[in-house]
């Protein structure tokens, strides 16, 4: 996966849908776009590699469905976070694993994904 500082080609559509904030990073095809230019931790890179596989050869089609279909967005993020959690369990200590799980639930229940689910459900 290539990592570049900048925005994906469909950023305006993502932004208009309310699916970005100042901390967002974006996988589009085999490129990870990091607007802030900050280093991306290995577990997040792993999460984004799941999205790369989900998108396959047609990231524009995947993104259109992701933006317009909250159920699809939740399904895709749950798969990516489940894989990321397995990565965290393999390489991080118990305390960091708990922190990661809380962070994932906060992300899924917060405004980043606009999924309208509670922290506890996430």
Protein backbone atom coordinates (compact mmCIF):
# COMPACT_ATOMS: atom_id res chain seq x y z
CA UNK A 1 0.00 0.00 0.00
CA UNK A 2 1.32 3.43 -0.95
CA UNK A 3 1.03 6.14 1.68
CA UNK A 4 0.81 9.74 0.50
CA UNK A 5 0.10 13.06 2.14
CA UNK A 6 -3.03 14.51 0.62
CA UNK A 7 -6.66 13.79 -0.15
CA UNK A 8 -8.24 11.00 -2.21
CA UNK A 9 -9.79 11.80 -5.60
CA UNK A 10 -13.32 11.61 -4.14
CA UNK A 11 -12.64 13.76 -1.08
CA UNK A 12 -15.28 16.40 -1.83
CA UNK A 13 -17.99 13.71 -1.98
CA UNK A 14 -16.76 12.17 1.28
CA UNK A 15 -16.70 15.59 2.94
CA UNK A 16 -20.19 16.50 1.68
CA UNK A 17 -21.48 13.24 3.19
CA UNK A 18 -20.04 14.28 6.56
CA UNK A 19 -17.65 11.32 6.70
CA UNK A 20 -14.40 13.11 7.48
CA UNK A 21 -12.78 15.13 10.20
CA UNK A 22 -9.33 16.53 10.85
CA UNK A 23 -8.03 13.08 11.87
CA UNK A 24 -9.41 11.12 8.92
CA UNK A 25 -7.31 9.02 6.62
CA UNK A 26 -8.63 7.43 3.45
CA UNK A 27 -7.92 4.26 1.54
CA UNK A 28 -8.63 4.60 -2.16
CA UNK A 29 -7.48 1.57 -4.11
CA UNK A 30 -3.92 0.74 -3.14
CA UNK A 31 -3.20 4.23 -1.78
CA UNK A 32 -3.61 5.44 1.77
CA UNK A 33 -4.21 9.19 1.85
CA UNK A 34 -3.08 10.94 5.03
CA UNK A 35 -4.00 14.64 4.82
CA UNK A 36 -2.21 15.49 8.07
CA UNK A 37 1.01 13.82 6.96
CA UNK A 38 1.28 12.12 10.37
CA UNK A 39 2.75 8.65 10.67
CA UNK A 40 0.15 5.89 10.48
CA UNK A 41 0.55 3.21 13.19
CA UNK A 42 0.87 -0.40 11.99
CA UNK A 43 -2.54 -1.49 13.33
CA UNK A 44 -4.29 1.30 11.41
CA UNK A 45 -2.35 0.41 8.28
CA UNK A 46 -3.63 -3.15 8.76
CA UNK A 47 -7.22 -1.82 9.06
CA UNK A 48 -6.78 0.16 5.85
CA UNK A 49 -5.37 -2.87 4.04
CA UNK A 50 -8.69 -4.60 4.74
CA UNK A 51 -10.43 -1.71 2.96
CA UNK A 52 -7.96 -2.01 0.09
CA UNK A 53 -9.00 -5.66 -0.35
CA UNK A 54 -12.68 -4.77 0.00
CA UNK A 55 -12.39 -2.18 -2.76
CA UNK A 56 -10.64 -4.53 -5.17
CA UNK A 57 -10.22 -3.10 -8.65
CA UNK A 58 -13.17 -0.72 -8.32
CA UNK A 59 -12.62 1.68 -5.42
CA UNK A 60 -15.00 4.22 -6.94
CA UNK A 61 -17.87 1.70 -6.83
CA UNK A 62 -17.03 0.70 -3.25
CA UNK A 63 -16.82 4.32 -2.13
CA UNK A 64 -20.18 5.19 -3.71
CA UNK A 65 -21.87 2.38 -1.81
CA UNK A 66 -19.90 3.18 1.37
CA UNK A 67 -21.01 6.82 1.29
CA UNK A 68 -24.68 6.18 0.50
CA UNK A 69 -25.40 2.96 2.42
CA UNK A 70 -24.90 3.12 6.21
CA UNK A 71 -25.54 -0.62 6.62
CA UNK A 72 -22.80 -1.39 4.10
CA UNK A 73 -20.49 1.15 5.78
CA UNK A 74 -21.06 -0.50 9.18
CA UNK A 75 -20.46 -3.98 7.73
CA UNK A 76 -17.20 -2.93 6.06
CA UNK A 77 -15.93 -1.10 9.14
CA UNK A 78 -16.79 -4.00 11.45
CA UNK A 79 -14.72 -6.32 9.26
CA UNK A 80 -11.81 -3.88 9.24
CA UNK A 81 -11.97 -3.24 12.98
CA UNK A 82 -12.28 -6.97 13.75
CA UNK A 83 -9.11 -7.59 11.74
CA UNK A 84 -7.41 -4.64 13.39
CA UNK A 85 -8.35 -5.98 16.83
CA UNK A 86 -6.77 -9.35 15.97
CA UNK A 87 -3.61 -7.48 14.97
CA UNK A 88 -3.66 -5.54 18.25
CA UNK A 89 -4.17 -8.73 20.28
CA UNK A 90 -1.18 -10.29 18.57
CA UNK A 91 1.28 -7.43 18.97
CA UNK A 92 0.14 -5.28 21.91
CA UNK A 93 -0.24 -5.74 25.66
CA UNK A 94 -3.54 -6.22 27.53
CA UNK A 95 -3.88 -2.57 28.56
CA UNK A 96 -3.30 -1.40 24.98
CA UNK A 97 -5.82 -3.97 23.73
CA UNK A 98 -8.50 -2.55 26.04
CA UNK A 99 -7.65 1.00 24.95
CA UNK A 100 -7.89 -0.04 21.31
CA UNK A 101 -11.28 -1.68 21.81
CA UNK A 102 -12.59 1.49 23.49
CA UNK A 103 -11.17 3.60 20.66
CA UNK A 104 -12.81 1.40 18.02
CA UNK A 105 -16.19 1.60 19.77
CA UNK A 106 -15.81 5.36 20.11
CA UNK A 107 -15.02 5.68 16.42
CA UNK A 108 -17.96 3.54 15.34
CA UNK A 109 -20.42 5.31 17.63
CA UNK A 110 -19.10 8.81 16.99
CA UNK A 111 -19.59 11.24 14.12
CA UNK A 112 -16.75 9.86 11.99
CA UNK A 113 -18.92 7.16 10.38
CA UNK A 114 -22.40 8.63 10.95
CA UNK A 115 -23.82 5.22 11.89
CA UNK A 116 -26.23 6.18 14.68
CA UNK A 117 -25.17 3.37 17.03
CA UNK A 118 -24.32 3.52 20.72
CA UNK A 119 -20.85 3.07 22.19
CA UNK A 120 -21.96 -0.17 23.89
CA UNK A 121 -23.48 -1.59 20.71
CA UNK A 122 -20.31 -0.73 18.83
